[in-house]
Amino acid sequence: MVVSPLDPGIERVLRVLDLDGKMSGKKTVELSPESVARANRHRLALEEGARAMLGVEQKAIAVRKNMERLRALREAREAQEASAQATLPDAAKKKRKKVLST
């Protein structure tokens, strides 16, 4: 059984019992089924939270990789368009002729 070092409540409950099931505390304390169930629910919630955070971190990494890939594609496309614009001759601007009405 893995116990979170951040959870003193579960450690306090489980510290009373050794792995052999013998009492190691000063008092003989019987754990109520409610306290054991509460400790188990808390442990499961911690484990599920850790799994959820791992999933969120993995998604964030995937998003950053995709953004990097798309940025590289955009920059390559813009560089290609800029070089294509540089090779085209500048179009001479036509000046409007004034038409005199008579």
C-alpha atoms as a PDB file:
ATOM      1  CA  MET A   1       0.000   0.000   0.000  1.00  0.00           C
ATOM      2  CA  VAL A   2       1.461   3.344  -1.043  1.00  0.00           C
ATOM      3  CA  VAL A   3       0.707   6.202   1.316  1.00  0.00           C
ATOM      4  CA  SER A   4       1.161   9.791   0.296  1.00  0.00           C
ATOM      5  CA  PRO A   5       3.717  11.575   2.491  1.00  0.00           C
ATOM      6  CA  LEU A   6       1.568  14.683   2.177  1.00  0.00           C
ATOM      7  CA  ASP A   7      -1.402  13.158   3.946  1.00  0.00           C
ATOM      8  CA  PRO A   8      -0.879  13.030   7.712  1.00  0.00           C
ATOM      9  CA  GLY A   9      -4.438  11.796   8.333  1.00  0.00           C
ATOM     10  CA  ILE A  10      -3.935   8.534   6.504  1.00  0.00           C
ATOM     11  CA  GLU A  11      -0.470   8.089   7.959  1.00  0.00           C
ATOM     12  CA  ARG A  12      -1.868   8.577  11.461  1.00  0.00           C
ATOM     13  CA  VAL A  13      -4.497   5.893  10.875  1.00  0.00           C
ATOM     14  CA  LEU A  14      -2.099   3.445   9.288  1.00  0.00           C
ATOM     15  CA  ARG A  15       0.765   4.111  11.716  1.00  0.00           C
ATOM     16  CA  VAL A  16      -1.142   2.329  14.445  1.00  0.00           C
ATOM     17  CA  LEU A  17      -0.966  -0.980  12.596  1.00  0.00           C
ATOM     18  CA  ASP A  18       2.251  -2.734  11.617  1.00  0.00           C
ATOM     19  CA  LEU A  19       2.446  -4.747   8.440  1.00  0.00           C
ATOM     20  CA  ASP A  20       1.980  -7.849  10.610  1.00  0.00           C
ATOM     21  CA  GLY A  21      -1.294  -6.500  11.935  1.00  0.00           C
ATOM     22  CA  LYS A  22       0.183  -6.069  15.395  1.00  0.00           C
ATOM     23  CA  MET A  23      -0.374  -2.897  17.284  1.00  0.00           C
ATOM     24  CA  SER A  24       2.609  -0.576  17.418  1.00  0.00           C
ATOM     25  CA  GLY A  25       1.038   2.467  19.055  1.00  0.00           C
ATOM     26  CA  LYS A  26       0.833   3.308  22.731  1.00  0.00           C
ATOM     27  CA  LYS A  27      -2.899   2.695  22.937  1.00  0.00           C
ATOM     28  CA  THR A  28      -4.927  -0.115  21.566  1.00  0.00           C
ATOM     29  CA  VAL A  29      -7.061   1.674  19.022  1.00  0.00           C
ATOM     30  CA  GLU A  30      -9.576  -0.116  16.912  1.00  0.00           C
ATOM     31  CA  LEU A  31     -10.224   1.501  13.589  1.00  0.00           C
ATOM     32  CA  SER A  32     -13.833   1.980  12.760  1.00  0.00           C
ATOM     33  CA  PRO A  33     -15.006   0.850   9.346  1.00  0.00           C
ATOM     34  CA  GLU A  34     -15.965   4.445   8.603  1.00  0.00           C
ATOM     35  CA  SER A  35     -12.449   5.746   9.249  1.00  0.00           C
ATOM     36  CA  VAL A  36     -10.921   2.997   7.102  1.00  0.00           C
ATOM     37  CA  ALA A  37     -13.404   3.722   4.305  1.00  0.00           C
ATOM     38  CA  ARG A  38     -12.704   7.461   4.578  1.00  0.00           C
ATOM     39  CA  ALA A  39      -8.957   6.833   4.405  1.00  0.00           C
ATOM     40  CA  ASN A  40      -9.427   4.618   1.348  1.00  0.00           C
ATOM     41  CA  ARG A  41     -11.613   7.207  -0.377  1.00  0.00           C
ATOM     42  CA  HIS A  42      -9.046   9.891   0.336  1.00  0.00           C
ATOM     43  CA  ARG A  43      -6.210   7.698  -0.982  1.00  0.00           C
ATOM     44  CA  LEU A  44      -8.166   6.919  -4.157  1.00  0.00           C
ATOM     45  CA  ALA A  45      -8.941  10.607  -4.671  1.00  0.00           C
ATOM     46  CA  LEU A  46      -5.244  11.447  -4.380  1.00  0.00           C
ATOM     47  CA  GLU A  47      -4.323   8.748  -6.903  1.00  0.00           C
ATOM     48  CA  GLU A  48      -7.024   9.861  -9.354  1.00  0.00           C
ATOM     49  CA  GLY A  49      -5.914  13.473  -8.986  1.00  0.00           C
ATOM     50  CA  ALA A  50      -2.325  12.519  -9.768  1.00  0.00           C
ATOM     51  CA  ARG A  51      -3.481  10.586 -12.858  1.00  0.00           C
ATOM     52  CA  ALA A  52      -5.599  13.533 -13.997  1.00  0.00           C
ATOM     53  CA  MET A  53      -2.688  15.950 -13.593  1.00  0.00           C
ATOM     54  CA  LEU A  54      -0.469  13.603 -15.594  1.00  0.00           C
ATOM     55  CA  GLY A  55      -3.051  13.580 -18.391  1.00  0.00           C
ATOM     56  CA  VAL A  56      -3.272  17.375 -18.373  1.00  0.00           C
ATOM     57  CA  GLU A  57       0.515  17.686 -18.536  1.00  0.00           C
ATOM     58  CA  GLN A  58       0.708  15.232 -21.447  1.00  0.00           C
ATOM     59  CA  LYS A  59      -1.966  17.170 -23.358  1.00  0.00           C
ATOM     60  CA  ALA A  60      -0.114  20.431 -22.739  1.00  0.00           C
ATOM     61  CA  ILE A  61       3.095  18.900 -24.102  1.00  0.00           C
ATOM     62  CA  ALA A  62       1.258  17.662 -27.192  1.00  0.00           C
ATOM     63  CA  VAL A  63      -0.270  21.112 -27.772  1.00  0.00           C
ATOM     64  CA  ARG A  64       3.126  22.809 -27.491  1.00  0.00           C
ATOM     65  CA  LYS A  65       4.671  20.341 -29.968  1.00  0.00           C
ATOM     66  CA  ASN A  66       1.822  20.942 -32.419  1.00  0.00           C
ATOM     67  CA  MET A  67       2.170  24.719 -32.055  1.00  0.00           C
ATOM     68  CA  GLU A  68       5.900  24.442 -32.753  1.00  0.00           C
ATOM     69  CA  ARG A  69       5.252  22.328 -35.868  1.00  0.00           C
ATOM     70  CA  LEU A  70       2.611  24.731 -37.173  1.00  0.00           C
ATOM     71  CA  ARG A  71       4.853  27.749 -36.488  1.00  0.00           C
ATOM     72  CA  ALA A  72       7.683  26.147 -38.481  1.00  0.00           C
ATOM     73  CA  LEU A  73       5.305  25.469 -41.390  1.00  0.00           C
ATOM     74  CA  ARG A  74       3.964  29.038 -41.318  1.00  0.00           C
ATOM     75  CA  GLU A  75       7.447  30.553 -41.212  1.00  0.00           C
ATOM     76  CA  ALA A  76       8.570  28.365 -44.131  1.00  0.00           C
ATOM     77  CA  ARG A  77       5.490  29.372 -46.140  1.00  0.00           C
ATOM     78  CA  GLU A  78       6.054  33.066 -45.386  1.00  0.00           C
ATOM     79  CA  ALA A  79       9.730  32.814 -46.378  1.00  0.00           C
ATOM     80  CA  GLN A  80       8.746  31.137 -49.644  1.00  0.00           C
ATOM     81  CA  GLU A  81       6.159  33.833 -50.365  1.00  0.00           C
ATOM     82  CA  ALA A  82       8.689  36.568 -49.569  1.00  0.00           C
ATOM     83  CA  SER A  83      11.247  35.077 -51.959  1.00  0.00           C
ATOM     84  CA  ALA A  84       8.564  34.739 -54.650  1.00  0.00           C
ATOM     85  CA  GLN A  85       7.619  38.415 -54.183  1.00  0.00           C
ATOM     86  CA  ALA A  86      11.274  39.436 -54.432  1.00  0.00           C
ATOM     87  CA  THR A  87      11.680  37.732 -57.821  1.00  0.00           C
ATOM     88  CA  LEU A  88       8.642  39.455 -59.341  1.00  0.00           C
ATOM     89  CA  PRO A  89       9.312  42.792 -61.029  1.00  0.00           C
ATOM     90  CA  ASP A  90       7.647  45.768 -59.467  1.00  0.00           C
ATOM     91  CA  ALA A  91       4.565  46.724 -61.378  1.00  0.00           C
ATOM     92  CA  ALA A  92       4.879  50.258 -62.658  1.00  0.00           C
ATOM     93  CA  LYS A  93       2.163  52.418 -61.261  1.00  0.00           C
ATOM     94  CA  LYS A  94       0.048  54.009 -63.920  1.00  0.00           C
ATOM     95  CA  LYS A  95      -0.478  57.677 -63.598  1.00  0.00           C
ATOM     96  CA  ARG A  96      -3.894  58.985 -64.314  1.00  0.00           C
ATOM     97  CA  LYS A  97      -4.092  61.333 -67.132  1.00  0.00           C
ATOM     98  CA  LYS A  98      -6.116  64.384 -66.654  1.00  0.00           C
ATOM     99  CA  VAL A  99      -8.809  64.625 -69.198  1.00  0.00           C
ATOM    100  CA  LEU A 100      -9.754  68.115 -70.159  1.00  0.00           C
ATOM    101  CA  SER A 101     -13.324  68.498 -70.976  1.00  0.00           C
ATOM    102  CA  THR A 102     -14.109  70.914 -73.699  1.00  0.00           C
END
